[in-house]
Amino acid sequence: MVAGACSLLGRRAPVLLYMGTFDPVHVGHIANLKAALAGVPEAKQVYVVPTSEHPSKQPIAYEHRVAMMRAALRDAGLPRGVKVVVVDDPRLARVSGAGFDTLSAMIHGKHPGAPVAIMTGADAFCTAAEGGLVRTALRWGYRYAVTPRAGYAIPERLPFGVKVMPESGGRESSTRARAELAAGRLPQDLTPSTLRYIVEHGLYGARRQP
């Protein structure tokens, strides 16, 4: 990788923004978060945003994905001093332009002058780059913290504002986890707290437990 993707250092500590459907949350999502915090150790504030809509997916109810993320974070073992806020307002969690503008205004209002780095895995980054979203976000002043992931090649030359994390993500898959739950199996890709929540609420076809 080109070392110059760039440093995310600024006059103020950067804020990390992690958006996704998280349907369900798996250990790879948490690994991405920990990789970003290792690669951007000056970041002490993270906003995790389970999206409330998606143009091509129909995820499980928004409130369940918020609860699963909170459950997964209890198992995460994040560094001391890092504050993670799981956004639970559907108006701030829309992937539309207006929704993202509202979320951005909230973050910049709470952290004026702080650079905002969008956390993403290599798979989502490559898709966003192909669609021109990365270029647009960089033009708006955002930065990217990208976690490598097996099977997805990050370009050797990256624009200023993109930093590749020193750790790699795994092969975990929400699609595979949903299929295993529907088949009556307990996926290995989920954290204990997430799996407990899913079973207790009978989500994804899992057998409901008291």
N, C-alpha and C. Protein backbone atom coordinates (compact mmCIF):
# COMPACT_ATOMS: atom_id res chain seq x y z
N MET A 1 0.84 -1.19 0.00
CA MET A 1 0.00 0.00 0.00
C MET A 1 0.88 1.26 0.00
N VAL A 2 0.34 2.27 -0.57
CA VAL A 2 1.05 3.54 -0.56
C VAL A 2 0.93 4.13 0.83
N ALA A 3 2.07 4.37 1.46
CA ALA A 3 2.04 4.88 2.82
C ALA A 3 1.29 6.19 2.88
N GLY A 4 1.17 6.86 1.90
CA GLY A 4 0.52 8.13 1.93
C GLY A 4 -0.87 8.16 1.71
N ALA A 5 -1.37 7.19 1.93
CA ALA A 5 -2.79 7.38 1.96
C ALA A 5 -3.02 8.64 2.73
N CYS A 6 -2.61 8.80 3.95
CA CYS A 6 -2.49 10.06 4.69
C CYS A 6 -2.61 9.77 6.16
N SER A 7 -2.21 10.74 6.94
CA SER A 7 -2.44 10.65 8.39
C SER A 7 -3.78 11.27 8.69
N LEU A 8 -4.45 10.70 9.67
CA LEU A 8 -5.74 11.26 10.07
C LEU A 8 -5.58 12.25 11.20
N LEU A 9 -4.33 12.58 11.51
CA LEU A 9 -4.10 13.54 12.58
C LEU A 9 -4.56 14.93 12.16
N GLY A 10 -5.01 15.67 13.12
CA GLY A 10 -5.41 17.05 12.87
C GLY A 10 -5.23 17.83 14.14
N ARG A 11 -5.64 19.05 14.11
CA ARG A 11 -5.52 19.87 15.32
C ARG A 11 -6.44 19.36 16.42
N ARG A 12 -7.53 18.70 16.03
CA ARG A 12 -8.42 18.09 17.00
C ARG A 12 -8.46 16.59 16.74
N ALA A 13 -8.75 15.84 17.80
CA ALA A 13 -8.81 14.38 17.65
C ALA A 13 -9.90 14.01 16.66
N PRO A 14 -9.62 13.11 15.73
CA PRO A 14 -10.63 12.73 14.75
C PRO A 14 -11.76 11.93 15.38
N VAL A 15 -12.91 12.00 14.76
CA VAL A 15 -14.08 11.23 15.15
C VAL A 15 -14.27 10.13 14.11
N LEU A 16 -14.53 8.92 14.56
CA LEU A 16 -14.76 7.82 13.64
C LEU A 16 -16.26 7.62 13.45
N LEU A 17 -16.67 7.37 12.22
CA LEU A 17 -18.06 7.14 11.87
C LEU A 17 -18.15 5.78 11.19
N TYR A 18 -18.96 4.89 11.76
CA TYR A 18 -19.08 3.52 11.26
C TYR A 18 -20.54 3.25 10.92
N MET A 19 -20.86 3.18 9.63
CA MET A 19 -22.23 2.95 9.19
C MET A 19 -22.33 1.58 8.51
N GLY A 20 -23.48 0.94 8.67
CA GLY A 20 -23.71 -0.35 8.01
C GLY A 20 -25.07 -0.88 8.37
N THR A 21 -25.49 -1.93 7.66
CA THR A 21 -26.77 -2.53 8.02
C THR A 21 -26.64 -3.38 9.29
N PHE A 22 -25.47 -4.03 9.50
CA PHE A 22 -25.23 -4.83 10.70
C PHE A 22 -26.39 -5.81 10.92
N ASP A 23 -26.60 -6.69 9.95
CA ASP A 23 -27.80 -7.52 9.90
C ASP A 23 -27.48 -9.00 9.71
N PRO A 24 -27.00 -9.70 10.77
CA PRO A 24 -26.76 -9.21 12.14
C PRO A 24 -25.31 -8.72 12.30
N VAL A 25 -25.04 -8.22 13.49
CA VAL A 25 -23.67 -7.81 13.85
C VAL A 25 -22.84 -9.07 14.04
N HIS A 26 -21.67 -9.13 13.42
CA HIS A 26 -20.79 -10.29 13.62
C HIS A 26 -19.42 -9.83 14.11
N VAL A 27 -18.56 -10.79 14.44
CA VAL A 27 -17.27 -10.45 15.03
C VAL A 27 -16.39 -9.66 14.07
N GLY A 28 -16.63 -9.80 12.76
CA GLY A 28 -15.87 -9.02 11.80
C GLY A 28 -16.17 -7.53 11.90
N HIS A 29 -17.40 -7.18 12.20
CA HIS A 29 -17.75 -5.77 12.40
C HIS A 29 -16.95 -5.19 13.57
N ILE A 30 -16.88 -5.97 14.65
CA ILE A 30 -16.15 -5.50 15.82
C ILE A 30 -14.65 -5.47 15.53
N ALA A 31 -14.17 -6.43 14.74
CA ALA A 31 -12.75 -6.44 14.37
C ALA A 31 -12.41 -5.20 13.55
N ASN A 32 -13.31 -4.79 12.66
CA ASN A 32 -13.09 -3.56 11.88
C ASN A 32 -12.96 -2.35 12.79
N LEU A 33 -13.83 -2.29 13.79
CA LEU A 33 -13.80 -1.17 14.73
C LEU A 33 -12.48 -1.15 15.50
N LYS A 34 -12.04 -2.30 15.98
CA LYS A 34 -10.80 -2.35 16.74
C LYS A 34 -9.59 -2.05 15.85
N ALA A 35 -9.66 -2.50 14.58
CA ALA A 35 -8.56 -2.20 13.65
C ALA A 35 -8.47 -0.70 13.40
N ALA A 36 -9.61 -0.03 13.26
CA ALA A 36 -9.60 1.41 13.03
C ALA A 36 -9.06 2.15 14.24
N LEU A 37 -9.42 1.70 15.43
CA LEU A 37 -8.92 2.36 16.65
C LEU A 37 -7.42 2.12 16.82
N ALA A 38 -6.93 0.96 16.35
CA ALA A 38 -5.49 0.71 16.40
C ALA A 38 -4.75 1.57 15.37
N GLY A 39 -5.38 1.76 14.22
CA GLY A 39 -4.74 2.54 13.17
C GLY A 39 -4.86 4.04 13.36
N VAL A 40 -5.87 4.46 14.12
CA VAL A 40 -6.08 5.88 14.41
C VAL A 40 -6.19 6.03 15.93
N PRO A 41 -5.09 5.78 16.66
CA PRO A 41 -5.16 5.74 18.12
C PRO A 41 -5.54 7.07 18.76
N GLU A 42 -5.42 8.18 18.00
CA GLU A 42 -5.80 9.47 18.57
C GLU A 42 -7.32 9.66 18.61
N ALA A 43 -8.07 8.79 17.95
CA ALA A 43 -9.54 8.89 17.96
C ALA A 43 -10.08 8.34 19.27
N LYS A 44 -10.91 9.11 19.93
CA LYS A 44 -11.50 8.69 21.20
C LYS A 44 -13.03 8.68 21.17
N GLN A 45 -13.59 9.06 20.03
CA GLN A 45 -15.04 9.11 19.89
C GLN A 45 -15.45 8.38 18.62
N VAL A 46 -16.39 7.44 18.77
CA VAL A 46 -16.88 6.67 17.63
C VAL A 46 -18.41 6.75 17.62
N TYR A 47 -18.97 6.99 16.44
CA TYR A 47 -20.41 6.89 16.24
C TYR A 47 -20.68 5.69 15.34
N VAL A 48 -21.43 4.72 15.88
CA VAL A 48 -21.83 3.55 15.11
C VAL A 48 -23.28 3.74 14.70
N VAL A 49 -23.54 3.62 13.40
CA VAL A 49 -24.87 3.95 12.87
C VAL A 49 -25.44 2.76 12.10
N PRO A 50 -26.30 1.95 12.75
CA PRO A 50 -27.04 0.94 11.98
C PRO A 50 -28.05 1.67 11.09
N THR A 51 -27.91 1.55 9.78
CA THR A 51 -28.74 2.32 8.87
C THR A 51 -30.20 1.92 8.98
N SER A 52 -31.08 2.91 8.89
CA SER A 52 -32.51 2.65 9.04
C SER A 52 -33.19 2.36 7.71
N GLU A 53 -32.43 2.43 6.62
CA GLU A 53 -32.97 2.11 5.30
C GLU A 53 -31.83 1.65 4.42
N HIS A 54 -32.16 0.97 3.33
CA HIS A 54 -31.13 0.55 2.39
C HIS A 54 -31.78 0.39 1.03
N PRO A 55 -31.15 0.91 -0.04
CA PRO A 55 -31.78 0.87 -1.35
C PRO A 55 -31.94 -0.53 -1.93
N SER A 56 -31.13 -1.50 -1.50
CA SER A 56 -31.20 -2.83 -2.10
C SER A 56 -31.39 -3.96 -1.08
N LYS A 57 -31.53 -3.62 0.18
CA LYS A 57 -31.70 -4.64 1.21
C LYS A 57 -32.96 -4.35 2.02
N GLN A 58 -33.48 -5.40 2.65
CA GLN A 58 -34.59 -5.25 3.58
C GLN A 58 -34.15 -5.86 4.92
N PRO A 59 -33.34 -5.13 5.66
CA PRO A 59 -32.80 -5.69 6.91
C PRO A 59 -33.88 -5.85 7.97
N ILE A 60 -33.53 -6.59 8.99
CA ILE A 60 -34.44 -6.78 10.11
C ILE A 60 -34.67 -5.44 10.80
N ALA A 61 -35.69 -5.38 11.63
CA ALA A 61 -36.11 -4.11 12.22
C ALA A 61 -34.94 -3.34 12.83
N TYR A 62 -34.97 -2.04 12.61
CA TYR A 62 -33.89 -1.14 13.03
C TYR A 62 -33.58 -1.27 14.52
N GLU A 63 -34.62 -1.33 15.37
CA GLU A 63 -34.39 -1.38 16.82
C GLU A 63 -33.64 -2.64 17.23
N HIS A 64 -33.85 -3.75 16.50
CA HIS A 64 -33.12 -4.98 16.81
C HIS A 64 -31.64 -4.84 16.46
N ARG A 65 -31.34 -4.17 15.35
CA ARG A 65 -29.94 -4.02 14.95
C ARG A 65 -29.20 -3.06 15.87
N VAL A 66 -29.90 -2.05 16.38
CA VAL A 66 -29.30 -1.17 17.40
C VAL A 66 -28.99 -1.98 18.65
N ALA A 67 -29.95 -2.79 19.10
CA ALA A 67 -29.76 -3.59 20.31
C ALA A 67 -28.65 -4.62 20.13
N MET A 68 -28.57 -5.23 18.94
CA MET A 68 -27.51 -6.21 18.70
C MET A 68 -26.13 -5.55 18.73
N MET A 69 -26.03 -4.35 18.16
CA MET A 69 -24.74 -3.66 18.19
C MET A 69 -24.33 -3.33 19.62
N ARG A 70 -25.27 -2.86 20.41
CA ARG A 70 -24.95 -2.57 21.81
C ARG A 70 -24.53 -3.83 22.54
N ALA A 71 -25.19 -4.95 22.24
CA ALA A 71 -24.82 -6.21 22.87
C ALA A 71 -23.41 -6.62 22.45
N ALA A 72 -23.11 -6.50 21.15
CA ALA A 72 -21.80 -6.90 20.65
C ALA A 72 -20.69 -6.05 21.27
N LEU A 73 -20.96 -4.78 21.47
CA LEU A 73 -19.94 -3.89 22.03
C LEU A 73 -19.61 -4.26 23.48
N ARG A 74 -20.55 -4.88 24.16
CA ARG A 74 -20.26 -5.30 25.54
C ARG A 74 -19.18 -6.37 25.57
N ASP A 75 -19.03 -7.13 24.49
CA ASP A 75 -18.01 -8.17 24.40
C ASP A 75 -16.72 -7.68 23.75
N ALA A 76 -16.70 -6.42 23.30
CA ALA A 76 -15.66 -5.98 22.37
C ALA A 76 -14.29 -5.80 22.99
N GLY A 77 -14.21 -5.37 24.25
CA GLY A 77 -12.90 -5.11 24.84
C GLY A 77 -12.17 -3.99 24.15
N LEU A 78 -12.85 -2.86 23.95
CA LEU A 78 -12.24 -1.72 23.27
C LEU A 78 -11.24 -1.02 24.17
N PRO A 79 -10.32 -0.25 23.60
CA PRO A 79 -9.32 0.45 24.41
C PRO A 79 -9.96 1.39 25.42
N ARG A 80 -9.26 1.59 26.53
CA ARG A 80 -9.74 2.53 27.55
C ARG A 80 -9.81 3.95 26.98
N GLY A 81 -10.78 4.68 27.43
CA GLY A 81 -10.89 6.07 27.02
C GLY A 81 -11.64 6.30 25.73
N VAL A 82 -12.05 5.22 25.06
CA VAL A 82 -12.80 5.36 23.81
C VAL A 82 -14.28 5.33 24.12
N LYS A 83 -14.99 6.33 23.63
CA LYS A 83 -16.43 6.40 23.82
C LYS A 83 -17.12 6.03 22.52
N VAL A 84 -17.99 5.02 22.58
CA VAL A 84 -18.74 4.59 21.41
C VAL A 84 -20.21 4.88 21.62
N VAL A 85 -20.79 5.61 20.71
CA VAL A 85 -22.21 5.93 20.75
C VAL A 85 -22.90 5.19 19.61
N VAL A 86 -23.88 4.36 19.94
CA VAL A 86 -24.69 3.70 18.91
C VAL A 86 -25.89 4.61 18.65
N VAL A 87 -25.94 5.16 17.45
CA VAL A 87 -27.02 6.09 17.10
C VAL A 87 -28.33 5.30 16.98
N ASP A 88 -29.35 5.73 17.73
CA ASP A 88 -30.62 5.01 17.71
C ASP A 88 -31.77 5.91 17.26
N ASP A 89 -31.47 6.88 16.44
CA ASP A 89 -32.47 7.77 15.88
C ASP A 89 -32.59 7.49 14.39
N PRO A 90 -33.71 6.89 13.93
CA PRO A 90 -33.84 6.55 12.51
C PRO A 90 -33.64 7.73 11.58
N ARG A 91 -33.93 8.93 12.04
CA ARG A 91 -33.76 10.11 11.17
C ARG A 91 -32.29 10.37 10.87
N LEU A 92 -31.42 10.01 11.81
CA LEU A 92 -29.98 10.20 11.61
C LEU A 92 -29.33 9.02 10.91
N ALA A 93 -30.07 7.95 10.74
CA ALA A 93 -29.50 6.71 10.24
C ALA A 93 -29.91 6.42 8.80
N ARG A 94 -30.48 7.39 8.12
CA ARG A 94 -30.87 7.18 6.73
C ARG A 94 -29.64 7.33 5.82
N VAL A 95 -29.60 6.49 4.80
CA VAL A 95 -28.45 6.55 3.89
C VAL A 95 -28.68 7.57 2.77
N SER A 96 -29.87 8.15 2.72
CA SER A 96 -30.13 9.17 1.71
C SER A 96 -29.29 10.40 1.99
N GLY A 97 -29.19 11.29 0.99
CA GLY A 97 -28.40 12.50 1.16
C GLY A 97 -28.88 13.35 2.31
N ALA A 98 -30.21 13.53 2.43
CA ALA A 98 -30.74 14.35 3.51
C ALA A 98 -30.45 13.73 4.87
N GLY A 99 -30.57 12.40 4.95
CA GLY A 99 -30.29 11.73 6.21
C GLY A 99 -28.84 11.87 6.62
N PHE A 100 -27.93 11.71 5.65
CA PHE A 100 -26.51 11.83 5.97
C PHE A 100 -26.16 13.26 6.35
N ASP A 101 -26.80 14.23 5.71
CA ASP A 101 -26.56 15.63 6.06
C ASP A 101 -26.97 15.89 7.51
N THR A 102 -28.09 15.30 7.93
CA THR A 102 -28.56 15.49 9.30
C THR A 102 -27.60 14.86 10.30
N LEU A 103 -27.12 13.66 9.98
CA LEU A 103 -26.14 12.99 10.84
C LEU A 103 -24.86 13.81 10.91
N SER A 104 -24.39 14.29 9.77
CA SER A 104 -23.16 15.09 9.74
C SER A 104 -23.29 16.34 10.58
N ALA A 105 -24.45 17.00 10.48
CA ALA A 105 -24.66 18.22 11.25
C ALA A 105 -24.62 17.92 12.74
N MET A 106 -25.16 16.78 13.14
CA MET A 106 -25.13 16.40 14.55
C MET A 106 -23.69 16.18 15.02
N ILE A 107 -22.89 15.45 14.23
CA ILE A 107 -21.52 15.16 14.62
C ILE A 107 -20.68 16.44 14.67
N HIS A 108 -20.78 17.26 13.64
CA HIS A 108 -19.98 18.49 13.61
C HIS A 108 -20.44 19.47 14.69
N GLY A 109 -21.73 19.42 15.05
CA GLY A 109 -22.20 20.27 16.13
C GLY A 109 -21.62 19.88 17.47
N LYS A 110 -21.42 18.57 17.68
CA LYS A 110 -20.85 18.08 18.93
C LYS A 110 -19.33 18.15 18.94
N HIS A 111 -18.71 18.12 17.76
CA HIS A 111 -17.24 18.10 17.67
C HIS A 111 -16.79 19.11 16.62
N PRO A 112 -17.00 20.39 16.86
CA PRO A 112 -16.64 21.40 15.86
C PRO A 112 -15.15 21.39 15.55
N GLY A 113 -14.85 21.38 14.27
CA GLY A 113 -13.46 21.42 13.84
C GLY A 113 -12.75 20.09 13.81
N ALA A 114 -13.39 19.03 14.32
CA ALA A 114 -12.73 17.72 14.35
C ALA A 114 -12.88 17.02 13.00
N PRO A 115 -11.81 16.43 12.48
CA PRO A 115 -11.94 15.66 11.24
C PRO A 115 -12.77 14.41 11.49
N VAL A 116 -13.57 14.02 10.52
CA VAL A 116 -14.42 12.83 10.63
C VAL A 116 -13.93 11.79 9.65
N ALA A 117 -13.59 10.62 10.16
CA ALA A 117 -13.11 9.52 9.32
C ALA A 117 -14.18 8.45 9.24
N ILE A 118 -14.57 8.10 8.01
CA ILE A 118 -15.56 7.05 7.80
C ILE A 118 -14.84 5.71 7.84
N MET A 119 -15.23 4.87 8.79
CA MET A 119 -14.66 3.53 8.90
C MET A 119 -15.36 2.62 7.92
N THR A 120 -14.60 1.75 7.26
CA THR A 120 -15.21 0.80 6.34
C THR A 120 -14.26 -0.35 6.07
N GLY A 121 -14.82 -1.49 5.73
CA GLY A 121 -14.00 -2.60 5.28
C GLY A 121 -13.66 -2.42 3.81
N ALA A 122 -12.68 -3.19 3.33
CA ALA A 122 -12.23 -3.05 1.95
C ALA A 122 -13.36 -3.33 0.96
N ASP A 123 -14.27 -4.26 1.30
CA ASP A 123 -15.35 -4.59 0.39
C ASP A 123 -16.27 -3.40 0.17
N ALA A 124 -16.72 -2.78 1.26
CA ALA A 124 -17.61 -1.63 1.15
C ALA A 124 -16.88 -0.43 0.54
N PHE A 125 -15.58 -0.28 0.85
CA PHE A 125 -14.83 0.83 0.31
C PHE A 125 -14.72 0.72 -1.21
N CYS A 126 -14.42 -0.47 -1.71
CA CYS A 126 -14.28 -0.66 -3.15
C CYS A 126 -15.60 -0.38 -3.86
N THR A 127 -16.70 -0.82 -3.27
CA THR A 127 -18.01 -0.56 -3.86
C THR A 127 -18.30 0.94 -3.89
N ALA A 128 -18.01 1.62 -2.76
CA ALA A 128 -18.24 3.06 -2.69
C ALA A 128 -17.35 3.82 -3.66
N ALA A 129 -16.11 3.37 -3.81
CA ALA A 129 -15.18 4.03 -4.73
C ALA A 129 -15.64 3.89 -6.17
N GLU A 130 -16.12 2.70 -6.54
CA GLU A 130 -16.60 2.48 -7.90
C GLU A 130 -17.80 3.36 -8.21
N GLY A 131 -18.63 3.61 -7.19
CA GLY A 131 -19.82 4.42 -7.39
C GLY A 131 -19.58 5.92 -7.26
N GLY A 132 -18.34 6.30 -6.99
CA GLY A 132 -18.02 7.72 -6.87
C GLY A 132 -18.29 8.32 -5.50
N LEU A 133 -18.76 7.49 -4.55
CA LEU A 133 -19.10 8.03 -3.23
C LEU A 133 -17.87 8.44 -2.45
N VAL A 134 -16.78 7.70 -2.60
CA VAL A 134 -15.54 8.05 -1.89
C VAL A 134 -15.05 9.41 -2.34
N ARG A 135 -15.02 9.63 -3.63
CA ARG A 135 -14.56 10.91 -4.17
C ARG A 135 -15.42 12.06 -3.65
N THR A 136 -16.73 11.83 -3.59
CA THR A 136 -17.64 12.87 -3.10
C THR A 136 -17.39 13.16 -1.63
N ALA A 137 -17.25 12.09 -0.83
CA ALA A 137 -17.03 12.27 0.61
C ALA A 137 -15.72 13.00 0.89
N LEU A 138 -14.67 12.66 0.14
CA LEU A 138 -13.38 13.33 0.32
C LEU A 138 -13.50 14.81 -0.05
N ARG A 139 -14.26 15.08 -1.08
CA ARG A 139 -14.44 16.48 -1.49
C ARG A 139 -15.18 17.28 -0.42
N TRP A 140 -16.06 16.59 0.31
CA TRP A 140 -16.80 17.25 1.40
C TRP A 140 -15.97 17.38 2.67
N GLY A 141 -14.75 16.84 2.67
CA GLY A 141 -13.89 16.98 3.83
C GLY A 141 -13.81 15.77 4.73
N TYR A 142 -14.49 14.67 4.36
CA TYR A 142 -14.39 13.45 5.16
C TYR A 142 -13.10 12.72 4.83
N ARG A 143 -12.73 11.81 5.70
CA ARG A 143 -11.58 10.95 5.48
C ARG A 143 -12.02 9.51 5.61
N TYR A 144 -11.15 8.59 5.23
CA TYR A 144 -11.50 7.17 5.27
C TYR A 144 -10.46 6.39 6.05
N ALA A 145 -10.94 5.47 6.89
CA ALA A 145 -10.09 4.50 7.58
C ALA A 145 -10.54 3.12 7.09
N VAL A 146 -9.73 2.50 6.23
CA VAL A 146 -10.14 1.29 5.52
C VAL A 146 -9.43 0.07 6.10
N THR A 147 -10.22 -0.94 6.46
CA THR A 147 -9.67 -2.20 6.97
C THR A 147 -9.56 -3.20 5.83
N PRO A 148 -8.36 -3.72 5.54
CA PRO A 148 -8.23 -4.73 4.48
C PRO A 148 -9.09 -5.94 4.79
N ARG A 149 -9.59 -6.59 3.74
CA ARG A 149 -10.40 -7.79 3.91
C ARG A 149 -10.06 -8.78 2.82
N ALA A 150 -9.94 -10.04 3.21
CA ALA A 150 -9.56 -11.08 2.25
C ALA A 150 -10.51 -11.09 1.05
N GLY A 151 -9.92 -11.15 -0.15
CA GLY A 151 -10.72 -11.23 -1.35
C GLY A 151 -11.02 -9.89 -2.00
N TYR A 152 -10.60 -8.80 -1.37
CA TYR A 152 -10.88 -7.46 -1.91
C TYR A 152 -9.57 -6.68 -2.01
N ALA A 153 -9.20 -6.34 -3.23
CA ALA A 153 -7.93 -5.66 -3.46
C ALA A 153 -8.11 -4.15 -3.37
N ILE A 154 -7.42 -3.55 -2.42
CA ILE A 154 -7.43 -2.10 -2.30
C ILE A 154 -6.42 -1.54 -3.29
N PRO A 155 -6.78 -0.51 -4.06
CA PRO A 155 -5.83 0.04 -5.04
C PRO A 155 -4.51 0.44 -4.40
N GLU A 156 -3.44 0.27 -5.16
CA GLU A 156 -2.12 0.64 -4.66
C GLU A 156 -2.00 2.15 -4.43
N ARG A 157 -2.58 2.92 -5.32
CA ARG A 157 -2.53 4.36 -5.20
C ARG A 157 -3.89 4.85 -4.70
N LEU A 158 -3.84 5.53 -3.59
CA LEU A 158 -5.07 6.00 -2.95
C LEU A 158 -5.05 7.52 -2.85
N PRO A 159 -6.21 8.15 -2.92
CA PRO A 159 -6.25 9.61 -2.82
C PRO A 159 -5.92 10.09 -1.42
N PHE A 160 -5.48 11.32 -1.32
CA PHE A 160 -5.22 11.93 -0.02
C PHE A 160 -6.52 11.92 0.78
N GLY A 161 -6.41 11.48 2.04
CA GLY A 161 -7.59 11.40 2.88
C GLY A 161 -8.02 9.98 3.17
N VAL A 162 -7.34 9.00 2.56
CA VAL A 162 -7.66 7.59 2.79
C VAL A 162 -6.47 6.92 3.47
N LYS A 163 -6.73 6.26 4.57
CA LYS A 163 -5.67 5.56 5.29
C LYS A 163 -6.06 4.09 5.45
N VAL A 164 -5.14 3.21 5.11
CA VAL A 164 -5.37 1.77 5.25
C VAL A 164 -4.91 1.34 6.64
N MET A 165 -5.77 0.62 7.34
CA MET A 165 -5.47 0.20 8.71
C MET A 165 -4.41 -0.92 8.71
N PRO A 166 -3.65 -1.00 9.81
CA PRO A 166 -2.56 -1.98 9.86
C PRO A 166 -3.03 -3.41 10.08
N GLU A 167 -4.30 -3.61 10.42
CA GLU A 167 -4.81 -4.95 10.67
C GLU A 167 -5.84 -5.31 9.61
N SER A 168 -6.03 -6.61 9.40
CA SER A 168 -6.95 -7.08 8.37
C SER A 168 -8.21 -7.64 9.00
N GLY A 169 -9.32 -7.49 8.27
CA GLY A 169 -10.57 -8.08 8.69
C GLY A 169 -10.62 -9.55 8.30
N GLY A 170 -11.62 -10.24 8.78
CA GLY A 170 -11.75 -11.67 8.50
C GLY A 170 -12.71 -11.95 7.36
N ARG A 171 -13.22 -13.17 7.34
CA ARG A 171 -14.13 -13.60 6.29
C ARG A 171 -15.57 -13.73 6.80
N GLU A 172 -15.87 -13.11 7.92
CA GLU A 172 -17.20 -13.22 8.49
C GLU A 172 -18.24 -12.64 7.54
N SER A 173 -19.45 -13.18 7.59
CA SER A 173 -20.50 -12.75 6.67
C SER A 173 -21.85 -12.74 7.36
N SER A 174 -22.54 -11.60 7.28
CA SER A 174 -23.90 -11.53 7.82
C SER A 174 -24.84 -12.45 7.04
N THR A 175 -24.64 -12.55 5.73
CA THR A 175 -25.47 -13.43 4.90
C THR A 175 -25.35 -14.87 5.36
N ARG A 176 -24.11 -15.31 5.61
CA ARG A 176 -23.91 -16.69 6.06
C ARG A 176 -24.50 -16.89 7.45
N ALA A 177 -24.36 -15.91 8.33
CA ALA A 177 -24.91 -16.03 9.67
C ALA A 177 -26.43 -16.17 9.62
N ARG A 178 -27.08 -15.38 8.77
CA ARG A 178 -28.54 -15.49 8.65
C ARG A 178 -28.95 -16.87 8.15
N ALA A 179 -28.22 -17.40 7.17
CA ALA A 179 -28.54 -18.72 6.62
C ALA A 179 -28.38 -19.81 7.67
N GLU A 180 -27.33 -19.71 8.48
CA GLU A 180 -27.10 -20.73 9.50
C GLU A 180 -28.17 -20.67 10.57
N LEU A 181 -28.56 -19.47 10.96
CA LEU A 181 -29.63 -19.34 11.96
C LEU A 181 -30.95 -19.91 11.43
N ALA A 182 -31.26 -19.61 10.16
CA ALA A 182 -32.49 -20.12 9.57
C ALA A 182 -32.49 -21.65 9.48
N ALA A 183 -31.28 -22.24 9.37
CA ALA A 183 -31.15 -23.69 9.29
C ALA A 183 -31.07 -24.34 10.66
N GLY A 184 -31.19 -23.55 11.71
CA GLY A 184 -31.17 -24.10 13.06
C GLY A 184 -29.79 -24.26 13.66
N ARG A 185 -28.76 -23.67 13.01
CA ARG A 185 -27.41 -23.76 13.54
C ARG A 185 -27.02 -22.45 14.22
N LEU A 186 -26.07 -22.52 15.14
CA LEU A 186 -25.59 -21.34 15.83
C LEU A 186 -24.28 -20.88 15.18
N PRO A 187 -24.29 -19.73 14.52
CA PRO A 187 -23.09 -19.27 13.80
C PRO A 187 -21.93 -18.99 14.73
N GLN A 188 -20.74 -19.30 14.27
CA GLN A 188 -19.52 -19.02 15.03
C GLN A 188 -19.07 -17.58 14.85
N ASP A 189 -19.68 -16.86 13.89
CA ASP A 189 -19.23 -15.51 13.57
C ASP A 189 -19.83 -14.44 14.47
N LEU A 190 -20.71 -14.83 15.40
CA LEU A 190 -21.41 -13.86 16.23
C LEU A 190 -20.81 -13.83 17.63
N THR A 191 -20.83 -12.65 18.25
CA THR A 191 -20.38 -12.57 19.64
C THR A 191 -21.41 -13.23 20.54
N PRO A 192 -21.01 -13.71 21.72
CA PRO A 192 -21.97 -14.37 22.61
C PRO A 192 -23.19 -13.50 22.95
N SER A 193 -22.97 -12.23 23.21
CA SER A 193 -24.09 -11.36 23.57
C SER A 193 -25.04 -11.15 22.39
N THR A 194 -24.50 -11.03 21.18
CA THR A 194 -25.34 -10.89 19.99
C THR A 194 -26.16 -12.15 19.77
N LEU A 195 -25.52 -13.30 19.86
CA LEU A 195 -26.22 -14.56 19.66
C LEU A 195 -27.31 -14.75 20.71
N ARG A 196 -27.02 -14.38 21.94
CA ARG A 196 -28.01 -14.50 23.00
C ARG A 196 -29.23 -13.64 22.69
N TYR A 197 -29.00 -12.42 22.22
CA TYR A 197 -30.11 -11.53 21.89
C TYR A 197 -30.95 -12.11 20.76
N ILE A 198 -30.29 -12.63 19.74
CA ILE A 198 -31.00 -13.19 18.59
C ILE A 198 -31.89 -14.35 19.01
N VAL A 199 -31.34 -15.25 19.82
CA VAL A 199 -32.10 -16.42 20.24
C VAL A 199 -33.26 -16.02 21.16
N GLU A 200 -33.00 -15.10 22.08
CA GLU A 200 -34.05 -14.67 23.01
C GLU A 200 -35.22 -14.04 22.29
N HIS A 201 -34.95 -13.37 21.15
CA HIS A 201 -36.00 -12.68 20.42
C HIS A 201 -36.48 -13.45 19.19
N GLY A 202 -35.93 -14.64 18.98
CA GLY A 202 -36.38 -15.46 17.86
C GLY A 202 -36.14 -14.84 16.50
N LEU A 203 -35.00 -14.17 16.32
CA LEU A 203 -34.72 -13.47 15.07
C LEU A 203 -34.09 -14.41 14.05
N TYR A 204 -34.28 -14.11 12.78
CA TYR A 204 -33.67 -14.84 11.66
C TYR A 204 -34.05 -16.32 11.65
N GLY A 205 -35.19 -16.65 12.20
CA GLY A 205 -35.61 -18.03 12.22
C GLY A 205 -35.04 -18.85 13.36
N ALA A 206 -34.25 -18.20 14.22
CA ALA A 206 -33.70 -18.91 15.38
C ALA A 206 -34.83 -19.27 16.33
N ARG A 207 -34.70 -20.40 16.98
CA ARG A 207 -35.72 -20.84 17.93
C ARG A 207 -35.73 -19.93 19.13
N ARG A 208 -36.90 -19.40 19.42
CA ARG A 208 -37.04 -18.49 20.57
C ARG A 208 -36.77 -19.23 21.88
N GLN A 209 -36.01 -18.59 22.74
CA GLN A 209 -35.69 -19.16 24.05
C GLN A 209 -36.17 -18.21 25.14
N PRO A 210 -36.49 -18.75 26.32
CA PRO A 210 -36.91 -17.86 27.43
C PRO A 210 -35.75 -17.00 27.89
